[in-house]
Amino acid sequence: MLTVLAYSLVVGCIATLLLDAWTLLLSKAAGLGGSNWGVVGQWVQGLPQGKFFHLGDAAPAVSQQDKAVGWLFHYVVGVVYALLMVLIGGAHFITAPYWTPIIWVGFTLSTLCGLLILVPALGGGLLASKTPNQTKAIGLMLAGHAVFTIGLYIGAQLFAA
């Protein structure tokens, strides 16, 4: 059990760090804005009160606590995705990782959760339909989650070594 938790923590953080590096690179090279983890933090903190959608412009200004909660949520989700790979791939996956669980979790599930849960909850609409450029939003999400998937693979290989 301890090995599974260590695996999930290490692999999930490696993959999430790679995703964050990719986002930073895009923001510097292409002038694209990064994720607003403060808004995500506000949304997460509203969930226990039954607030499933962010208030948008009616929300208070983002605080340092909101940012901290958002960043923590971001990394916890990465760790949970790494754990899901073990649940799908079996205990032997930790010592002999293979692509199928990595792609299913890292790319397919994470992208669908983003487009069907997180983006709508933050006001972007189902499949980013309310964003200024839906095609661009989906393209960026696909690219980011491809990078996250590669991060899961790298992390899994490093852990297995």
N, C-alpha and C. Protein backbone atom coordinates (compact mmCIF):
# COMPACT_ATOMS: atom_id res chain seq x y z
N MET A 1 0.83 -1.20 0.00
CA MET A 1 0.00 0.00 0.00
C MET A 1 0.86 1.26 0.00
N LEU A 2 1.93 1.24 0.80
CA LEU A 2 2.83 2.38 0.87
C LEU A 2 3.51 2.62 -0.48
N THR A 3 3.84 1.55 -1.18
CA THR A 3 4.46 1.68 -2.50
C THR A 3 3.50 2.34 -3.47
N VAL A 4 2.23 1.97 -3.43
CA VAL A 4 1.23 2.57 -4.32
C VAL A 4 1.09 4.06 -4.02
N LEU A 5 1.07 4.42 -2.75
CA LEU A 5 0.95 5.84 -2.40
C LEU A 5 2.19 6.62 -2.82
N ALA A 6 3.38 6.05 -2.59
CA ALA A 6 4.62 6.71 -3.02
C ALA A 6 4.65 6.86 -4.53
N TYR A 7 4.27 5.79 -5.23
CA TYR A 7 4.21 5.82 -6.69
C TYR A 7 3.28 6.94 -7.16
N SER A 8 2.10 6.98 -6.60
CA SER A 8 1.10 7.98 -7.01
C SER A 8 1.61 9.39 -6.77
N LEU A 9 2.22 9.61 -5.64
CA LEU A 9 2.74 10.93 -5.31
C LEU A 9 3.86 11.34 -6.26
N VAL A 10 4.82 10.47 -6.46
CA VAL A 10 5.97 10.79 -7.31
C VAL A 10 5.54 10.96 -8.77
N VAL A 11 4.83 10.00 -9.31
CA VAL A 11 4.45 10.03 -10.72
C VAL A 11 3.47 11.16 -10.99
N GLY A 12 2.49 11.33 -10.12
CA GLY A 12 1.51 12.41 -10.31
C GLY A 12 2.16 13.78 -10.27
N CYS A 13 3.10 13.97 -9.37
CA CYS A 13 3.79 15.28 -9.27
C CYS A 13 4.71 15.52 -10.46
N ILE A 14 5.41 14.48 -10.93
CA ILE A 14 6.26 14.63 -12.11
C ILE A 14 5.42 15.05 -13.31
N ALA A 15 4.31 14.36 -13.52
CA ALA A 15 3.46 14.65 -14.67
C ALA A 15 2.86 16.06 -14.58
N THR A 16 2.43 16.44 -13.39
CA THR A 16 1.83 17.76 -13.20
C THR A 16 2.88 18.85 -13.36
N LEU A 17 4.09 18.61 -12.87
CA LEU A 17 5.19 19.57 -13.07
C LEU A 17 5.51 19.76 -14.54
N LEU A 18 5.51 18.67 -15.30
CA LEU A 18 5.76 18.78 -16.73
C LEU A 18 4.65 19.58 -17.42
N LEU A 19 3.41 19.33 -17.03
CA LEU A 19 2.29 20.11 -17.56
C LEU A 19 2.46 21.58 -17.23
N ASP A 20 2.86 21.89 -16.00
CA ASP A 20 3.05 23.29 -15.61
C ASP A 20 4.20 23.93 -16.39
N ALA A 21 5.26 23.17 -16.64
CA ALA A 21 6.37 23.69 -17.44
C ALA A 21 5.91 23.99 -18.86
N TRP A 22 5.09 23.10 -19.41
CA TRP A 22 4.53 23.29 -20.75
C TRP A 22 3.66 24.56 -20.80
N THR A 23 2.83 24.73 -19.80
CA THR A 23 1.96 25.90 -19.73
C THR A 23 2.78 27.18 -19.63
N LEU A 24 3.83 27.15 -18.82
CA LEU A 24 4.71 28.31 -18.68
C LEU A 24 5.42 28.62 -19.99
N LEU A 25 5.88 27.59 -20.67
CA LEU A 25 6.52 27.77 -21.98
C LEU A 25 5.56 28.41 -22.98
N LEU A 26 4.33 27.92 -23.02
CA LEU A 26 3.33 28.50 -23.92
C LEU A 26 3.03 29.95 -23.58
N SER A 27 2.95 30.24 -22.30
CA SER A 27 2.63 31.61 -21.90
C SER A 27 3.77 32.56 -22.27
N LYS A 28 5.01 32.09 -22.18
CA LYS A 28 6.15 32.94 -22.53
C LYS A 28 6.35 33.03 -24.04
N ALA A 29 6.30 31.89 -24.71
CA ALA A 29 6.61 31.84 -26.14
C ALA A 29 5.47 32.35 -27.02
N ALA A 30 4.24 32.01 -26.65
CA ALA A 30 3.10 32.35 -27.51
C ALA A 30 2.19 33.40 -26.89
N GLY A 31 2.53 33.87 -25.71
CA GLY A 31 1.71 34.89 -25.07
C GLY A 31 0.35 34.38 -24.61
N LEU A 32 0.24 33.08 -24.43
CA LEU A 32 -1.03 32.51 -23.97
C LEU A 32 -1.08 32.57 -22.45
N GLY A 33 -2.24 32.91 -21.93
CA GLY A 33 -2.41 32.94 -20.48
C GLY A 33 -2.41 31.53 -19.91
N GLY A 34 -1.92 31.39 -18.71
CA GLY A 34 -1.92 30.09 -18.04
C GLY A 34 -3.24 29.85 -17.34
N SER A 35 -3.28 28.76 -16.62
CA SER A 35 -4.47 28.42 -15.84
C SER A 35 -4.60 29.36 -14.66
N ASN A 36 -5.83 29.71 -14.32
CA ASN A 36 -6.09 30.59 -13.18
C ASN A 36 -6.44 29.71 -11.98
N TRP A 37 -5.42 29.27 -11.26
CA TRP A 37 -5.64 28.35 -10.15
C TRP A 37 -6.35 29.01 -8.98
N GLY A 38 -6.32 30.33 -8.91
CA GLY A 38 -7.07 31.03 -7.87
C GLY A 38 -8.57 30.85 -8.05
N VAL A 39 -9.04 30.95 -9.29
CA VAL A 39 -10.46 30.74 -9.59
C VAL A 39 -10.83 29.28 -9.31
N VAL A 40 -9.95 28.38 -9.67
CA VAL A 40 -10.19 26.96 -9.38
C VAL A 40 -10.29 26.76 -7.86
N GLY A 41 -9.41 27.44 -7.12
CA GLY A 41 -9.46 27.36 -5.66
C GLY A 41 -10.77 27.86 -5.09
N GLN A 42 -11.29 28.95 -5.65
CA GLN A 42 -12.60 29.45 -5.21
C GLN A 42 -13.68 28.41 -5.48
N TRP A 43 -13.64 27.80 -6.66
CA TRP A 43 -14.62 26.79 -7.02
C TRP A 43 -14.55 25.60 -6.07
N VAL A 44 -13.34 25.10 -5.82
CA VAL A 44 -13.15 23.96 -4.92
C VAL A 44 -13.70 24.27 -3.53
N GLN A 45 -13.43 25.47 -3.03
CA GLN A 45 -13.89 25.85 -1.69
C GLN A 45 -15.41 26.00 -1.64
N GLY A 46 -16.05 26.24 -2.76
CA GLY A 46 -17.50 26.34 -2.78
C GLY A 46 -18.21 25.00 -2.86
N LEU A 47 -17.51 23.97 -3.27
CA LEU A 47 -18.13 22.66 -3.44
C LEU A 47 -18.80 22.12 -2.17
N PRO A 48 -18.16 22.22 -0.98
CA PRO A 48 -18.82 21.70 0.23
C PRO A 48 -20.15 22.40 0.55
N GLN A 49 -20.31 23.64 0.06
CA GLN A 49 -21.56 24.36 0.29
C GLN A 49 -22.56 24.12 -0.84
N GLY A 50 -22.27 23.18 -1.73
CA GLY A 50 -23.17 22.87 -2.83
C GLY A 50 -23.09 23.84 -4.00
N LYS A 51 -22.04 24.62 -4.06
CA LYS A 51 -21.84 25.57 -5.17
C LYS A 51 -21.01 24.87 -6.23
N PHE A 52 -21.70 24.32 -7.23
CA PHE A 52 -21.02 23.52 -8.23
C PHE A 52 -20.52 24.33 -9.42
N PHE A 53 -20.89 25.59 -9.48
CA PHE A 53 -20.44 26.47 -10.56
C PHE A 53 -19.82 27.72 -9.96
N HIS A 54 -18.72 28.16 -10.55
CA HIS A 54 -18.04 29.36 -10.08
C HIS A 54 -18.92 30.58 -10.39
N LEU A 55 -18.84 31.58 -9.56
CA LEU A 55 -19.68 32.77 -9.71
C LEU A 55 -19.24 33.71 -10.83
N GLY A 56 -18.12 33.46 -11.43
CA GLY A 56 -17.64 34.30 -12.52
C GLY A 56 -17.31 35.70 -12.04
N ASP A 57 -17.80 36.69 -12.76
CA ASP A 57 -17.52 38.09 -12.41
C ASP A 57 -18.10 38.50 -11.07
N ALA A 58 -19.12 37.77 -10.60
CA ALA A 58 -19.73 38.09 -9.30
C ALA A 58 -18.91 37.56 -8.12
N ALA A 59 -17.88 36.78 -8.41
CA ALA A 59 -17.05 36.22 -7.34
C ALA A 59 -16.15 37.30 -6.75
N PRO A 60 -15.78 37.15 -5.50
CA PRO A 60 -14.84 38.10 -4.91
C PRO A 60 -13.47 37.98 -5.57
N ALA A 61 -12.63 38.96 -5.36
CA ALA A 61 -11.28 38.91 -5.90
C ALA A 61 -10.57 37.65 -5.38
N VAL A 62 -9.73 37.10 -6.21
CA VAL A 62 -8.98 35.90 -5.85
C VAL A 62 -7.98 36.24 -4.75
N SER A 63 -7.97 35.43 -3.70
CA SER A 63 -7.07 35.64 -2.57
C SER A 63 -5.87 34.69 -2.68
N GLN A 64 -4.90 34.89 -1.81
CA GLN A 64 -3.75 33.98 -1.75
C GLN A 64 -4.21 32.57 -1.34
N GLN A 65 -5.21 32.51 -0.46
CA GLN A 65 -5.75 31.21 -0.06
C GLN A 65 -6.38 30.51 -1.25
N ASP A 66 -7.13 31.26 -2.07
CA ASP A 66 -7.74 30.68 -3.27
C ASP A 66 -6.67 30.09 -4.17
N LYS A 67 -5.59 30.84 -4.36
CA LYS A 67 -4.50 30.36 -5.21
C LYS A 67 -3.87 29.10 -4.63
N ALA A 68 -3.64 29.10 -3.33
CA ALA A 68 -3.03 27.93 -2.68
C ALA A 68 -3.93 26.71 -2.82
N VAL A 69 -5.22 26.89 -2.59
CA VAL A 69 -6.17 25.77 -2.71
C VAL A 69 -6.22 25.28 -4.15
N GLY A 70 -6.21 26.20 -5.10
CA GLY A 70 -6.24 25.82 -6.51
C GLY A 70 -5.01 25.03 -6.93
N TRP A 71 -3.84 25.51 -6.51
CA TRP A 71 -2.60 24.78 -6.84
C TRP A 71 -2.58 23.41 -6.16
N LEU A 72 -2.99 23.34 -4.91
CA LEU A 72 -3.04 22.07 -4.20
C LEU A 72 -3.99 21.10 -4.91
N PHE A 73 -5.15 21.59 -5.29
CA PHE A 73 -6.12 20.78 -6.02
C PHE A 73 -5.50 20.24 -7.31
N HIS A 74 -4.82 21.10 -8.05
CA HIS A 74 -4.17 20.75 -9.31
C HIS A 74 -3.23 19.56 -9.11
N TYR A 75 -2.40 19.61 -8.07
CA TYR A 75 -1.44 18.54 -7.82
C TYR A 75 -2.11 17.29 -7.24
N VAL A 76 -3.12 17.47 -6.41
CA VAL A 76 -3.85 16.31 -5.88
C VAL A 76 -4.51 15.55 -7.03
N VAL A 77 -5.08 16.26 -7.97
CA VAL A 77 -5.70 15.60 -9.12
C VAL A 77 -4.64 14.81 -9.90
N GLY A 78 -3.46 15.38 -10.10
CA GLY A 78 -2.38 14.66 -10.77
C GLY A 78 -2.02 13.37 -10.04
N VAL A 79 -1.96 13.43 -8.72
CA VAL A 79 -1.65 12.25 -7.90
C VAL A 79 -2.77 11.22 -8.01
N VAL A 80 -4.01 11.67 -8.02
CA VAL A 80 -5.15 10.74 -8.15
C VAL A 80 -5.12 10.06 -9.51
N TYR A 81 -4.79 10.80 -10.56
CA TYR A 81 -4.69 10.17 -11.88
C TYR A 81 -3.60 9.10 -11.88
N ALA A 82 -2.47 9.35 -11.23
CA ALA A 82 -1.41 8.34 -11.15
C ALA A 82 -1.91 7.11 -10.39
N LEU A 83 -2.66 7.32 -9.34
CA LEU A 83 -3.24 6.20 -8.59
C LEU A 83 -4.20 5.40 -9.46
N LEU A 84 -5.00 6.09 -10.25
CA LEU A 84 -5.95 5.40 -11.14
C LEU A 84 -5.24 4.49 -12.13
N MET A 85 -4.05 4.90 -12.57
CA MET A 85 -3.30 4.03 -13.50
C MET A 85 -2.98 2.69 -12.84
N VAL A 86 -2.63 2.72 -11.57
CA VAL A 86 -2.33 1.48 -10.85
C VAL A 86 -3.61 0.66 -10.68
N LEU A 87 -4.71 1.32 -10.38
CA LEU A 87 -5.98 0.60 -10.22
C LEU A 87 -6.41 -0.06 -11.52
N ILE A 88 -6.14 0.60 -12.64
CA ILE A 88 -6.49 0.04 -13.95
C ILE A 88 -5.48 -1.02 -14.39
N GLY A 89 -4.20 -0.69 -14.21
CA GLY A 89 -3.14 -1.58 -14.70
C GLY A 89 -2.78 -2.72 -13.77
N GLY A 90 -3.20 -2.64 -12.53
CA GLY A 90 -2.86 -3.67 -11.56
C GLY A 90 -1.56 -3.34 -10.84
N ALA A 91 -1.31 -4.03 -9.74
CA ALA A 91 -0.13 -3.75 -8.92
C ALA A 91 1.16 -3.92 -9.71
N HIS A 92 1.20 -4.85 -10.66
CA HIS A 92 2.40 -5.06 -11.46
C HIS A 92 2.73 -3.85 -12.34
N PHE A 93 1.77 -2.98 -12.54
CA PHE A 93 1.99 -1.78 -13.36
C PHE A 93 3.10 -0.91 -12.78
N ILE A 94 3.24 -0.90 -11.47
CA ILE A 94 4.25 -0.07 -10.81
C ILE A 94 5.66 -0.47 -11.24
N THR A 95 5.90 -1.74 -11.39
CA THR A 95 7.24 -2.20 -11.78
C THR A 95 7.38 -2.42 -13.28
N ALA A 96 6.27 -2.53 -13.99
CA ALA A 96 6.31 -2.75 -15.44
C ALA A 96 5.23 -1.92 -16.11
N PRO A 97 5.39 -0.59 -16.13
CA PRO A 97 4.34 0.26 -16.72
C PRO A 97 4.22 0.04 -18.23
N TYR A 98 3.01 0.20 -18.71
CA TYR A 98 2.75 0.08 -20.14
C TYR A 98 1.74 1.17 -20.53
N TRP A 99 1.66 1.42 -21.83
CA TRP A 99 0.95 2.60 -22.32
C TRP A 99 -0.56 2.62 -22.10
N THR A 100 -1.24 1.49 -22.13
CA THR A 100 -2.71 1.50 -22.12
C THR A 100 -3.30 2.27 -20.94
N PRO A 101 -2.95 1.96 -19.69
CA PRO A 101 -3.51 2.75 -18.58
C PRO A 101 -3.07 4.21 -18.62
N ILE A 102 -1.85 4.44 -19.08
CA ILE A 102 -1.34 5.81 -19.15
C ILE A 102 -2.17 6.65 -20.11
N ILE A 103 -2.47 6.11 -21.26
CA ILE A 103 -3.27 6.84 -22.26
C ILE A 103 -4.71 7.00 -21.78
N TRP A 104 -5.30 5.92 -21.24
CA TRP A 104 -6.68 6.00 -20.79
C TRP A 104 -6.87 7.03 -19.69
N VAL A 105 -5.95 7.04 -18.75
CA VAL A 105 -6.07 7.97 -17.62
C VAL A 105 -5.50 9.34 -17.99
N GLY A 106 -4.26 9.35 -18.45
CA GLY A 106 -3.55 10.60 -18.66
C GLY A 106 -4.11 11.46 -19.77
N PHE A 107 -4.57 10.83 -20.82
CA PHE A 107 -5.10 11.62 -21.93
C PHE A 107 -6.62 11.60 -21.97
N THR A 108 -7.19 10.42 -22.08
CA THR A 108 -8.64 10.33 -22.28
C THR A 108 -9.44 10.83 -21.07
N LEU A 109 -9.21 10.24 -19.92
CA LEU A 109 -9.99 10.61 -18.73
C LEU A 109 -9.73 12.05 -18.31
N SER A 110 -8.46 12.45 -18.27
CA SER A 110 -8.15 13.81 -17.81
C SER A 110 -8.72 14.87 -18.76
N THR A 111 -8.67 14.60 -20.05
CA THR A 111 -9.23 15.56 -21.02
C THR A 111 -10.74 15.63 -20.88
N LEU A 112 -11.39 14.48 -20.78
CA LEU A 112 -12.85 14.48 -20.63
C LEU A 112 -13.28 15.17 -19.34
N CYS A 113 -12.57 14.92 -18.24
CA CYS A 113 -12.91 15.58 -16.98
C CYS A 113 -12.76 17.10 -17.12
N GLY A 114 -11.71 17.52 -17.80
CA GLY A 114 -11.52 18.95 -18.02
C GLY A 114 -12.65 19.57 -18.83
N LEU A 115 -12.98 18.93 -19.94
CA LEU A 115 -13.99 19.49 -20.85
C LEU A 115 -15.43 19.29 -20.39
N LEU A 116 -15.67 18.27 -19.57
CA LEU A 116 -17.04 17.97 -19.14
C LEU A 116 -17.34 18.38 -17.70
N ILE A 117 -16.30 18.64 -16.90
CA ILE A 117 -16.52 19.02 -15.50
C ILE A 117 -15.91 20.39 -15.19
N LEU A 118 -14.59 20.50 -15.30
CA LEU A 118 -13.91 21.72 -14.84
C LEU A 118 -14.26 22.94 -15.68
N VAL A 119 -14.13 22.84 -16.98
CA VAL A 119 -14.41 24.01 -17.84
C VAL A 119 -15.86 24.47 -17.67
N PRO A 120 -16.85 23.57 -17.72
CA PRO A 120 -18.23 24.03 -17.48
C PRO A 120 -18.42 24.64 -16.09
N ALA A 121 -17.81 24.04 -15.08
CA ALA A 121 -17.97 24.55 -13.72
C ALA A 121 -17.39 25.95 -13.56
N LEU A 122 -16.41 26.28 -14.37
CA LEU A 122 -15.79 27.61 -14.31
C LEU A 122 -16.41 28.59 -15.29
N GLY A 123 -17.50 28.19 -15.94
CA GLY A 123 -18.23 29.10 -16.81
C GLY A 123 -17.88 29.00 -18.28
N GLY A 124 -17.04 28.03 -18.65
CA GLY A 124 -16.63 27.90 -20.05
C GLY A 124 -17.57 27.08 -20.91
N GLY A 125 -18.61 26.53 -20.30
CA GLY A 125 -19.58 25.73 -21.05
C GLY A 125 -19.09 24.32 -21.32
N LEU A 126 -20.03 23.46 -21.64
CA LEU A 126 -19.74 22.07 -21.98
C LEU A 126 -18.84 22.04 -23.20
N LEU A 127 -17.76 21.31 -23.12
CA LEU A 127 -16.78 21.21 -24.21
C LEU A 127 -16.26 22.59 -24.61
N ALA A 128 -16.14 23.48 -23.65
CA ALA A 128 -15.60 24.84 -23.85
C ALA A 128 -16.44 25.66 -24.83
N SER A 129 -17.74 25.35 -24.91
CA SER A 129 -18.62 26.01 -25.88
C SER A 129 -18.85 27.49 -25.61
N LYS A 130 -18.59 27.95 -24.39
CA LYS A 130 -18.80 29.36 -24.07
C LYS A 130 -17.49 30.15 -24.02
N THR A 131 -16.41 29.53 -24.44
CA THR A 131 -15.13 30.24 -24.48
C THR A 131 -15.07 31.06 -25.77
N PRO A 132 -14.22 32.08 -25.80
CA PRO A 132 -14.14 32.92 -27.00
C PRO A 132 -13.78 32.14 -28.27
N ASN A 133 -12.97 31.10 -28.13
CA ASN A 133 -12.58 30.29 -29.28
C ASN A 133 -12.55 28.83 -28.84
N GLN A 134 -13.67 28.15 -29.07
CA GLN A 134 -13.82 26.77 -28.61
C GLN A 134 -12.75 25.85 -29.21
N THR A 135 -12.47 26.00 -30.48
CA THR A 135 -11.48 25.15 -31.13
C THR A 135 -10.11 25.32 -30.50
N LYS A 136 -9.74 26.56 -30.24
CA LYS A 136 -8.46 26.84 -29.60
C LYS A 136 -8.42 26.28 -28.19
N ALA A 137 -9.50 26.45 -27.44
CA ALA A 137 -9.55 25.95 -26.06
C ALA A 137 -9.40 24.43 -26.03
N ILE A 138 -10.11 23.75 -26.91
CA ILE A 138 -10.01 22.29 -26.96
C ILE A 138 -8.62 21.87 -27.42
N GLY A 139 -8.08 22.55 -28.42
CA GLY A 139 -6.74 22.23 -28.90
C GLY A 139 -5.69 22.38 -27.81
N LEU A 140 -5.79 23.47 -27.04
CA LEU A 140 -4.84 23.67 -25.95
C LEU A 140 -5.01 22.61 -24.87
N MET A 141 -6.26 22.23 -24.61
CA MET A 141 -6.50 21.18 -23.61
C MET A 141 -5.92 19.86 -24.10
N LEU A 142 -6.13 19.51 -25.36
CA LEU A 142 -5.59 18.26 -25.90
C LEU A 142 -4.06 18.26 -25.84
N ALA A 143 -3.45 19.37 -26.22
CA ALA A 143 -1.98 19.46 -26.19
C ALA A 143 -1.46 19.35 -24.76
N GLY A 144 -2.09 20.07 -23.84
CA GLY A 144 -1.66 20.02 -22.44
C GLY A 144 -1.80 18.63 -21.85
N HIS A 145 -2.87 17.96 -22.17
CA HIS A 145 -3.08 16.64 -21.61
C HIS A 145 -2.22 15.59 -22.29
N ALA A 146 -1.80 15.84 -23.53
CA ALA A 146 -0.80 14.97 -24.16
C ALA A 146 0.53 15.11 -23.41
N VAL A 147 0.89 16.33 -23.06
CA VAL A 147 2.11 16.56 -22.29
C VAL A 147 1.99 15.89 -20.92
N PHE A 148 0.84 16.01 -20.28
CA PHE A 148 0.61 15.36 -18.98
C PHE A 148 0.76 13.85 -19.12
N THR A 149 0.24 13.28 -20.19
CA THR A 149 0.35 11.85 -20.45
C THR A 149 1.80 11.43 -20.59
N ILE A 150 2.57 12.21 -21.31
CA ILE A 150 4.01 11.93 -21.46
C ILE A 150 4.68 12.02 -20.08
N GLY A 151 4.27 12.98 -19.28
CA GLY A 151 4.79 13.10 -17.92
C GLY A 151 4.48 11.89 -17.07
N LEU A 152 3.27 11.35 -17.21
CA LEU A 152 2.92 10.13 -16.48
C LEU A 152 3.80 8.97 -16.93
N TYR A 153 4.05 8.88 -18.22
CA TYR A 153 4.91 7.83 -18.74
C TYR A 153 6.34 7.95 -18.21
N ILE A 154 6.88 9.18 -18.28
CA ILE A 154 8.24 9.42 -17.79
C ILE A 154 8.32 9.09 -16.29
N GLY A 155 7.34 9.59 -15.53
CA GLY A 155 7.33 9.33 -14.09
C GLY A 155 7.22 7.84 -13.79
N ALA A 156 6.37 7.13 -14.52
CA ALA A 156 6.20 5.70 -14.30
C ALA A 156 7.49 4.95 -14.63
N GLN A 157 8.14 5.33 -15.70
CA GLN A 157 9.41 4.68 -16.07
C GLN A 157 10.49 4.94 -15.03
N LEU A 158 10.57 6.18 -14.57
CA LEU A 158 11.57 6.53 -13.54
C LEU A 158 11.31 5.77 -12.24
N PHE A 159 10.06 5.66 -11.86
CA PHE A 159 9.74 4.95 -10.63
C PHE A 159 10.04 3.47 -10.74
N ALA A 160 9.81 2.91 -11.92
CA ALA A 160 10.04 1.48 -12.14
C ALA A 160 11.53 1.15 -12.23
N ALA A 161 12.33 2.15 -12.56
CA ALA A 161 13.78 1.89 -12.76
C ALA A 161 14.50 1.52 -11.49
